[in-house]
PDB file of all heavy atoms in Angstrom:
ATOM      1  N   SER A   1      42.081  24.681  27.448  1.00  0.00           N
ATOM      2  CA  SER A   1      41.271  25.595  28.245  1.00  0.00           C
ATOM      3  C   SER A   1      39.956  24.854  28.718  1.00  0.00           C
ATOM      4  O   SER A   1      39.339  25.303  29.749  1.00  0.00           O
ATOM      5  CB  SER A   1      40.808  26.796  27.401  1.00  0.00           C
ATOM      6  OG  SER A   1      40.105  26.351  26.192  1.00  0.00           O
ATOM      7  N   ILE A   2      39.701  23.804  28.078  1.00  0.00           N
ATOM      8  CA  ILE A   2      38.509  22.973  28.476  1.00  0.00           C
ATOM      9  C   ILE A   2      38.976  21.591  28.977  1.00  0.00           C
ATOM     10  O   ILE A   2      39.577  20.921  28.245  1.00  0.00           O
ATOM     11  CB  ILE A   2      37.490  22.770  27.282  1.00  0.00           C
ATOM     12  CG1 ILE A   2      36.907  24.043  26.826  1.00  0.00           C
ATOM     13  CG2 ILE A   2      36.390  21.847  27.815  1.00  0.00           C
ATOM     14  CD1 ILE A   2      36.114  23.963  25.608  1.00  0.00           C
ATOM     15  N   ILE A   3      38.825  21.314  30.227  1.00  0.00           N
ATOM     16  CA  ILE A   3      39.255  20.069  30.837  1.00  0.00           C
ATOM     17  C   ILE A   3      38.187  18.994  30.495  1.00  0.00           C
ATOM     18  O   ILE A   3      37.046  19.025  30.862  1.00  0.00           O
ATOM     19  CB  ILE A   3      39.494  20.175  32.371  1.00  0.00           C
ATOM     20  CG1 ILE A   3      40.553  21.187  32.699  1.00  0.00           C
ATOM     21  CG2 ILE A   3      39.891  18.821  32.960  1.00  0.00           C
ATOM     22  CD1 ILE A   3      40.838  21.403  34.097  1.00  0.00           C
ATOM     23  N   THR A   4      38.586  17.936  29.720  1.00  0.00           N
ATOM     24  CA  THR A   4      37.719  16.831  29.344  1.00  0.00           C
ATOM     25  C   THR A   4      38.013  15.680  30.302  1.00  0.00           C
ATOM     26  O   THR A   4      39.074  15.230  30.426  1.00  0.00           O
ATOM     27  CB  THR A   4      37.987  16.436  27.903  1.00  0.00           C
ATOM     28  OG1 THR A   4      37.910  17.586  27.011  1.00  0.00           O
ATOM     29  CG2 THR A   4      37.130  15.307  27.493  1.00  0.00           C
ATOM     30  N   LYS A   5      37.009  15.270  30.921  1.00  0.00           N
ATOM     31  CA  LYS A   5      36.951  14.076  31.694  1.00  0.00           C
ATOM     32  C   LYS A   5      36.197  12.915  31.102  1.00  0.00           C
ATOM     33  O   LYS A   5      35.050  13.084  30.717  1.00  0.00           O
ATOM     34  CB  LYS A   5      36.370  14.467  33.113  1.00  0.00           C
ATOM     35  CG  LYS A   5      37.158  15.381  33.891  1.00  0.00           C
ATOM     36  CD  LYS A   5      36.583  15.681  35.262  1.00  0.00           C
ATOM     37  CE  LYS A   5      37.301  16.686  36.048  1.00  0.00           C
ATOM     38  NZ  LYS A   5      36.749  16.814  37.384  1.00  0.00           N
ATOM     39  N   ILE A   6      36.811  11.837  30.917  1.00  0.00           N
ATOM     40  CA  ILE A   6      36.190  10.647  30.339  1.00  0.00           C
ATOM     41  C   ILE A   6      35.402   9.916  31.509  1.00  0.00           C
ATOM     42  O   ILE A   6      35.870   9.778  32.534  1.00  0.00           O
ATOM     43  CB  ILE A   6      37.146   9.804  29.791  1.00  0.00           C
ATOM     44  CG1 ILE A   6      37.897  10.508  28.563  1.00  0.00           C
ATOM     45  CG2 ILE A   6      36.566   8.494  29.240  1.00  0.00           C
ATOM     46  CD1 ILE A   6      39.097   9.720  27.995  1.00  0.00           C
ATOM     47  N   ASN A   7      34.200   9.485  31.233  1.00  0.00           N
ATOM     48  CA  ASN A   7      33.375   8.810  32.210  1.00  0.00           C
ATOM     49  C   ASN A   7      33.898   7.501  32.576  1.00  0.00           C
ATOM     50  O   ASN A   7      33.643   6.465  31.755  1.00  0.00           O
ATOM     51  CB  ASN A   7      31.890   8.709  31.657  1.00  0.00           C
ATOM     52  CG  ASN A   7      31.061   8.028  32.715  1.00  0.00           C
ATOM     53  OD1 ASN A   7      31.367   7.940  33.895  1.00  0.00           O
ATOM     54  ND2 ASN A   7      29.948   7.561  32.261  1.00  0.00           N
ATOM     55  N   ASN A   8      34.664   7.343  33.505  1.00  0.00           N
ATOM     56  CA  ASN A   8      35.184   5.992  34.000  1.00  0.00           C
ATOM     57  C   ASN A   8      35.009   5.838  35.522  1.00  0.00           C
ATOM     58  O   ASN A   8      35.760   5.196  36.152  1.00  0.00           O
ATOM     59  CB  ASN A   8      36.602   5.953  33.593  1.00  0.00           C
ATOM     60  CG  ASN A   8      36.895   5.964  32.197  1.00  0.00           C
ATOM     61  OD1 ASN A   8      36.368   5.046  31.367  1.00  0.00           O
ATOM     62  ND2 ASN A   8      37.649   6.913  31.720  1.00  0.00           N
ATOM     63  N   GLU A   9      33.865   6.348  35.960  1.00  0.00           N
ATOM     64  CA  GLU A   9      33.521   6.177  37.362  1.00  0.00           C
ATOM     65  C   GLU A   9      33.299   4.625  37.683  1.00  0.00           C
ATOM     66  O   GLU A   9      32.582   3.990  36.968  1.00  0.00           O
ATOM     67  CB  GLU A   9      32.329   6.923  37.827  1.00  0.00           C
ATOM     68  CG  GLU A   9      32.018   6.921  39.272  1.00  0.00           C
ATOM     69  CD  GLU A   9      30.799   7.669  39.590  1.00  0.00           C
ATOM     70  OE1 GLU A   9      30.210   8.408  38.788  1.00  0.00           O
ATOM     71  OE2 GLU A   9      30.379   7.560  40.760  1.00  0.00           O
ATOM     72  N   ILE A  10      33.936   4.141  38.764  1.00  0.00           N
ATOM     73  CA  ILE A  10      33.715   2.795  39.135  1.00  0.00           C
ATOM     74  C   ILE A  10      32.629   2.758  40.216  1.00  0.00           C
ATOM     75  O   ILE A  10      32.627   3.366  41.177  1.00  0.00           O
ATOM     76  CB  ILE A  10      35.068   2.193  39.711  1.00  0.00           C
ATOM     77  CG1 ILE A  10      36.036   2.197  38.600  1.00  0.00           C
ATOM     78  CG2 ILE A  10      34.789   0.783  40.327  1.00  0.00           C
ATOM     79  CD1 ILE A  10      37.479   1.785  39.143  1.00  0.00           C
ATOM     80  N   THR A  11      31.634   1.885  39.897  1.00  0.00           N
ATOM     81  CA  THR A  11      30.550   1.616  40.770  1.00  0.00           C
ATOM     82  C   THR A  11      30.620   0.219  41.424  1.00  0.00           C
ATOM     83  O   THR A  11      30.802  -0.633  40.718  1.00  0.00           O
ATOM     84  CB  THR A  11      29.136   1.813  39.998  1.00  0.00           C
ATOM     85  OG1 THR A  11      29.067   3.017  39.295  1.00  0.00           O
ATOM     86  CG2 THR A  11      27.946   1.661  40.974  1.00  0.00           C
ATOM     87  N   ARG A  12      30.442   0.243  42.712  1.00  0.00           N
ATOM     88  CA  ARG A  12      30.493  -1.095  43.397  1.00  0.00           C
ATOM     89  C   ARG A  12      29.196  -1.323  44.213  1.00  0.00           C
ATOM     90  O   ARG A  12      28.470  -0.361  44.586  1.00  0.00           O
ATOM     91  CB  ARG A  12      31.656  -1.081  44.461  1.00  0.00           C
ATOM     92  CG  ARG A  12      33.079  -0.859  43.970  1.00  0.00           C
ATOM     93  CD  ARG A  12      34.029  -0.760  44.910  1.00  0.00           C
ATOM     94  NE  ARG A  12      35.369  -0.397  44.469  1.00  0.00           N
ATOM     95  CZ  ARG A  12      36.282  -1.392  44.121  1.00  0.00           C
ATOM     96  NH1 ARG A  12      36.093  -2.587  44.398  1.00  0.00           N
ATOM     97  NH2 ARG A  12      37.465  -0.916  43.681  1.00  0.00           N
ATOM     98  N   ASN A  13      28.868  -2.540  44.483  1.00  0.00           N
ATOM     99  CA  ASN A  13      27.644  -2.874  45.224  1.00  0.00           C
ATOM    100  C   ASN A  13      27.939  -2.874  46.647  1.00  0.00           C
ATOM    101  O   ASN A  13      29.113  -2.584  47.049  1.00  0.00           O
ATOM    102  CB  ASN A  13      26.960  -4.096  44.737  1.00  0.00           C
ATOM    103  CG  ASN A  13      27.918  -5.328  44.963  1.00  0.00           C
ATOM    104  OD1 ASN A  13      28.858  -5.190  45.683  1.00  0.00           O
ATOM    105  ND2 ASN A  13      27.579  -6.480  44.250  1.00  0.00           N
ATOM    106  N   THR A  14      27.028  -3.153  47.556  1.00  0.00           N
ATOM    107  CA  THR A  14      27.299  -3.206  48.983  1.00  0.00           C
ATOM    108  C   THR A  14      28.335  -4.205  49.456  1.00  0.00           C
ATOM    109  O   THR A  14      28.889  -4.073  50.543  1.00  0.00           O
ATOM    110  CB  THR A  14      25.986  -3.510  49.715  1.00  0.00           C
ATOM    111  OG1 THR A  14      25.314  -4.745  49.294  1.00  0.00           O
ATOM    112  CG2 THR A  14      25.035  -2.367  49.578  1.00  0.00           C
ATOM    113  N   ASN A  15      28.585  -5.213  48.684  1.00  0.00           N
ATOM    114  CA  ASN A  15      29.610  -6.214  48.866  1.00  0.00           C
ATOM    115  C   ASN A  15      30.997  -5.806  48.358  1.00  0.00           C
ATOM    116  O   ASN A  15      31.900  -6.508  48.516  1.00  0.00           O
ATOM    117  CB  ASN A  15      29.251  -7.572  48.342  1.00  0.00           C
ATOM    118  CG  ASN A  15      27.967  -8.153  49.007  1.00  0.00           C
ATOM    119  OD1 ASN A  15      27.816  -8.054  50.248  1.00  0.00           O
ATOM    120  ND2 ASN A  15      27.091  -8.745  48.176  1.00  0.00           N
ATOM    121  N   GLY A  16      31.041  -4.599  47.740  1.00  0.00           N
ATOM    122  CA  GLY A  16      32.341  -4.096  47.212  1.00  0.00           C
ATOM    123  C   GLY A  16      32.600  -4.646  45.849  1.00  0.00           C
ATOM    124  O   GLY A  16      33.762  -4.353  45.269  1.00  0.00           O
ATOM    125  N   MET A  17      31.773  -5.365  45.233  1.00  0.00           N
ATOM    126  CA  MET A  17      31.944  -5.893  43.838  1.00  0.00           C
ATOM    127  C   MET A  17      31.700  -4.853  42.830  1.00  0.00           C
ATOM    128  O   MET A  17      30.695  -4.052  42.940  1.00  0.00           O
ATOM    129  CB  MET A  17      31.085  -7.091  43.646  1.00  0.00           C
ATOM    130  CG  MET A  17      31.325  -8.238  44.609  1.00  0.00           C
ATOM    131  SD  MET A  17      29.916  -9.469  44.739  1.00  0.00           S
ATOM    132  CE  MET A  17      30.035 -10.176  42.996  1.00  0.00           C
ATOM    133  N   VAL A  18      32.552  -4.758  41.876  1.00  0.00           N
ATOM    134  CA  VAL A  18      32.356  -3.762  40.774  1.00  0.00           C
ATOM    135  C   VAL A  18      31.199  -4.114  39.797  1.00  0.00           C
ATOM    136  O   VAL A  18      31.199  -5.203  39.295  1.00  0.00           O
ATOM    137  CB  VAL A  18      33.653  -3.589  39.937  1.00  0.00           C
ATOM    138  CG1 VAL A  18      33.466  -2.535  38.749  1.00  0.00           C
ATOM    139  CG2 VAL A  18      34.857  -3.128  40.871  1.00  0.00           C
ATOM    140  N   THR A  19      30.155  -3.220  39.786  1.00  0.00           N
ATOM    141  CA  THR A  19      29.185  -3.441  38.879  1.00  0.00           C
ATOM    142  C   THR A  19      29.133  -2.649  37.674  1.00  0.00           C
ATOM    143  O   THR A  19      28.393  -2.930  36.723  1.00  0.00           O
ATOM    144  CB  THR A  19      27.775  -3.235  39.627  1.00  0.00           C
ATOM    145  OG1 THR A  19      27.825  -1.929  40.186  1.00  0.00           O
ATOM    146  CG2 THR A  19      27.727  -4.161  40.816  1.00  0.00           C
ATOM    147  N   ALA A  20      29.931  -1.539  37.633  1.00  0.00           N
ATOM    148  CA  ALA A  20      30.011  -0.791  36.399  1.00  0.00           C
ATOM    149  C   ALA A  20      31.257   0.043  36.458  1.00  0.00           C
ATOM    150  O   ALA A  20      31.797   0.423  37.539  1.00  0.00           O
ATOM    151  CB  ALA A  20      28.827   0.171  36.352  1.00  0.00           C
ATOM    152  N   ILE A  21      31.786   0.236  35.151  1.00  0.00           N
ATOM    153  CA  ILE A  21      32.910   1.165  34.955  1.00  0.00           C
ATOM    154  C   ILE A  21      32.570   2.119  33.873  1.00  0.00           C
ATOM    155  O   ILE A  21      32.431   1.627  32.726  1.00  0.00           O
ATOM    156  CB  ILE A  21      34.248   0.397  34.761  1.00  0.00           C
ATOM    157  CG1 ILE A  21      34.588  -0.426  35.965  1.00  0.00           C
ATOM    158  CG2 ILE A  21      35.381   1.466  34.531  1.00  0.00           C
ATOM    159  CD1 ILE A  21      35.905  -1.189  35.780  1.00  0.00           C
ATOM    160  N   GLY A  22      32.205   3.366  34.140  1.00  0.00           N
ATOM    161  CA  GLY A  22      31.731   4.170  33.104  1.00  0.00           C
ATOM    162  C   GLY A  22      30.363   3.559  32.637  1.00  0.00           C
ATOM    163  O   GLY A  22      29.456   3.383  33.417  1.00  0.00           O
ATOM    164  N   ASN A  23      30.286   3.574  31.286  1.00  0.00           N
ATOM    165  CA  ASN A  23      28.946   3.010  30.747  1.00  0.00           C
ATOM    166  C   ASN A  23      28.964   1.532  30.733  1.00  0.00           C
ATOM    167  O   ASN A  23      27.842   0.970  30.378  1.00  0.00           O
ATOM    168  CB  ASN A  23      28.831   3.542  29.356  1.00  0.00           C
ATOM    169  CG  ASN A  23      28.681   5.135  29.261  1.00  0.00           C
ATOM    170  OD1 ASN A  23      28.037   5.616  30.127  1.00  0.00           O
ATOM    171  ND2 ASN A  23      29.267   5.771  28.300  1.00  0.00           N
ATOM    172  N   THR A  24      29.981   0.824  31.009  1.00  0.00           N
ATOM    173  CA  THR A  24      29.958  -0.662  31.002  1.00  0.00           C
ATOM    174  C   THR A  24      29.439  -1.255  32.282  1.00  0.00           C
ATOM    175  O   THR A  24      29.924  -0.845  33.390  1.00  0.00           O
ATOM    176  CB  THR A  24      31.409  -1.112  30.783  1.00  0.00           C
ATOM    177  OG1 THR A  24      31.891  -0.488  29.637  1.00  0.00           O
ATOM    178  CG2 THR A  24      31.543  -2.548  30.634  1.00  0.00           C
ATOM    179  N   SER A  25      28.486  -2.201  32.026  1.00  0.00           N
ATOM    180  CA  SER A  25      27.965  -2.815  33.210  1.00  0.00           C
ATOM    181  C   SER A  25      28.373  -4.246  33.377  1.00  0.00           C
ATOM    182  O   SER A  25      28.647  -4.937  32.286  1.00  0.00           O
ATOM    183  CB  SER A  25      26.417  -2.770  33.226  1.00  0.00           C
ATOM    184  OG  SER A  25      25.924  -3.444  31.974  1.00  0.00           O
ATOM    185  N   LEU A  26      28.522  -4.761  34.549  1.00  0.00           N
ATOM    186  CA  LEU A  26      28.847  -6.145  34.808  1.00  0.00           C
ATOM    187  C   LEU A  26      27.879  -6.910  35.750  1.00  0.00           C
ATOM    188  O   LEU A  26      27.390  -6.210  36.607  1.00  0.00           O
ATOM    189  CB  LEU A  26      30.327  -6.193  35.538  1.00  0.00           C
ATOM    190  CG  LEU A  26      31.553  -5.630  34.808  1.00  0.00           C
ATOM    191  CD1 LEU A  26      31.535  -4.090  35.078  1.00  0.00           C
ATOM    192  CD2 LEU A  26      32.725  -6.290  35.277  1.00  0.00           C
TER     193      LEU A  26
END
């Protein structure tokens, strides 16, 4: 009844490079 979503949003910079996935930073 409660939809749980795990924080796995992918963040990219202006060059399209991944700088974060969820709480993890690169």
